[in-house]
Amino acid sequence: MVKNSNGRTHEETESISLGIAIGAGLGVALGVVFGIVLDNMAFMGIGIAIGIGAGIAISTAMNERNKQSDA
């Protein structure tokens, strides 16, 4: 298993990237809904940040669970 410069394997980096991409997409949708409901489109930026944070958290948790099950 080859690790890159930040200490992660290619699979870990790929899953975190996928989590960020999915989270950003869902965050935009969430932000648009909040923006329309509350009549303030500034919530789009907040939704993106929440989505990216959730995507990183979920993908990191999945990586840790995979590490534990492989060991």
C-alpha atoms as a PDB file:
ATOM      1  CA  MET A   1       0.000   0.000   0.000  1.00  0.00           C
ATOM      2  CA  VAL A   2       1.678   3.193  -1.215  1.00  0.00           C
ATOM      3  CA  LYS A   3       1.020   6.383   0.733  1.00  0.00           C
ATOM      4  CA  ASN A   4       1.222   9.829  -0.831  1.00  0.00           C
ATOM      5  CA  SER A   5       2.791  12.966   0.662  1.00  0.00           C
ATOM      6  CA  ASN A   6      -0.040  13.556   3.141  1.00  0.00           C
ATOM      7  CA  GLY A   7       0.037   9.983   4.477  1.00  0.00           C
ATOM      8  CA  ARG A   8      -3.115   8.719   2.756  1.00  0.00           C
ATOM      9  CA  THR A   9      -3.471   5.947   0.236  1.00  0.00           C
ATOM     10  CA  HIS A  10      -4.937   6.558  -3.200  1.00  0.00           C
ATOM     11  CA  GLU A  11      -8.206   4.867  -2.176  1.00  0.00           C
ATOM     12  CA  GLU A  12      -8.576   7.086   0.896  1.00  0.00           C
ATOM     13  CA  THR A  13      -7.926  10.230  -1.118  1.00  0.00           C
ATOM     14  CA  GLU A  14     -10.373   9.109  -3.782  1.00  0.00           C
ATOM     15  CA  SER A  15     -13.161   8.426  -1.284  1.00  0.00           C
ATOM     16  CA  ILE A  16     -12.643  11.774   0.467  1.00  0.00           C
ATOM     17  CA  SER A  17     -12.775  13.521  -2.919  1.00  0.00           C
ATOM     18  CA  LEU A  18     -15.990  11.711  -3.739  1.00  0.00           C
ATOM     19  CA  GLY A  19     -17.431  12.725  -0.366  1.00  0.00           C
ATOM     20  CA  ILE A  20     -16.558  16.357  -1.012  1.00  0.00           C
ATOM     21  CA  ALA A  21     -18.135  16.256  -4.484  1.00  0.00           C
ATOM     22  CA  ILE A  22     -21.365  14.631  -3.294  1.00  0.00           C
ATOM     23  CA  GLY A  23     -21.514  16.900  -0.246  1.00  0.00           C
ATOM     24  CA  ALA A  24     -21.046  20.022  -2.361  1.00  0.00           C
ATOM     25  CA  GLY A  25     -23.866  18.975  -4.673  1.00  0.00           C
ATOM     26  CA  LEU A  26     -26.234  18.201  -1.835  1.00  0.00           C
ATOM     27  CA  GLY A  27     -25.139  21.375  -0.045  1.00  0.00           C
ATOM     28  CA  VAL A  28     -26.071  23.513  -3.044  1.00  0.00           C
ATOM     29  CA  ALA A  29     -29.512  21.908  -3.132  1.00  0.00           C
ATOM     30  CA  LEU A  30     -29.926  22.415   0.606  1.00  0.00           C
ATOM     31  CA  GLY A  31     -28.737  26.015   0.344  1.00  0.00           C
ATOM     32  CA  VAL A  32     -31.157  26.800  -2.493  1.00  0.00           C
ATOM     33  CA  VAL A  33     -34.057  25.346  -0.531  1.00  0.00           C
ATOM     34  CA  PHE A  34     -33.120  27.334   2.581  1.00  0.00           C
ATOM     35  CA  GLY A  35     -32.570  30.441   0.455  1.00  0.00           C
ATOM     36  CA  ILE A  36     -36.000  30.207  -1.174  1.00  0.00           C
ATOM     37  CA  VAL A  37     -37.838  29.365   2.036  1.00  0.00           C
ATOM     38  CA  LEU A  38     -36.139  32.117   4.056  1.00  0.00           C
ATOM     39  CA  ASP A  39     -35.950  34.560   1.104  1.00  0.00           C
ATOM     40  CA  ASN A  40     -32.207  35.066   1.539  1.00  0.00           C
ATOM     41  CA  MET A  41     -29.913  33.481  -1.046  1.00  0.00           C
ATOM     42  CA  ALA A  42     -26.884  33.944   1.232  1.00  0.00           C
ATOM     43  CA  PHE A  43     -27.852  30.553   2.636  1.00  0.00           C
ATOM     44  CA  MET A  44     -26.511  28.965  -0.561  1.00  0.00           C
ATOM     45  CA  GLY A  45     -22.966  29.540   0.704  1.00  0.00           C
ATOM     46  CA  ILE A  46     -23.840  28.138   4.103  1.00  0.00           C
ATOM     47  CA  GLY A  47     -25.424  25.073   2.488  1.00  0.00           C
ATOM     48  CA  ILE A  48     -22.279  24.392   0.441  1.00  0.00           C
ATOM     49  CA  ALA A  49     -20.099  24.583   3.555  1.00  0.00           C
ATOM     50  CA  ILE A  50     -22.414  22.273   5.505  1.00  0.00           C
ATOM     51  CA  GLY A  51     -22.542  19.808   2.612  1.00  0.00           C
ATOM     52  CA  ILE A  52     -18.768  19.703   2.156  1.00  0.00           C
ATOM     53  CA  GLY A  53     -18.252  19.273   5.892  1.00  0.00           C
ATOM     54  CA  ALA A  54     -20.774  16.435   6.018  1.00  0.00           C
ATOM     55  CA  GLY A  55     -19.198  14.778   2.977  1.00  0.00           C
ATOM     56  CA  ILE A  56     -15.731  14.889   4.531  1.00  0.00           C
ATOM     57  CA  ALA A  57     -17.033  13.569   7.854  1.00  0.00           C
ATOM     58  CA  ILE A  58     -18.901  10.671   6.258  1.00  0.00           C
ATOM     59  CA  SER A  59     -16.050   9.644   3.956  1.00  0.00           C
ATOM     60  CA  THR A  60     -13.494   9.859   6.779  1.00  0.00           C
ATOM     61  CA  ALA A  61     -15.698   7.711   9.013  1.00  0.00           C
ATOM     62  CA  MET A  62     -16.085   5.177   6.210  1.00  0.00           C
ATOM     63  CA  ASN A  63     -12.285   5.082   5.720  1.00  0.00           C
ATOM     64  CA  GLU A  64     -11.729   4.479   9.432  1.00  0.00           C
ATOM     65  CA  ARG A  65     -14.328   1.698   9.476  1.00  0.00           C
ATOM     66  CA  ASN A  66     -12.650   0.078   6.465  1.00  0.00           C
ATOM     67  CA  LYS A  67      -9.254   0.274   8.208  1.00  0.00           C
ATOM     68  CA  GLN A  68     -10.667  -1.440  11.299  1.00  0.00           C
ATOM     69  CA  SER A  69     -12.356  -4.194   9.320  1.00  0.00           C
ATOM     70  CA  ASP A  70      -9.190  -4.852   7.267  1.00  0.00           C
ATOM     71  CA  ALA A  71      -6.985  -5.176  10.359  1.00  0.00           C
END
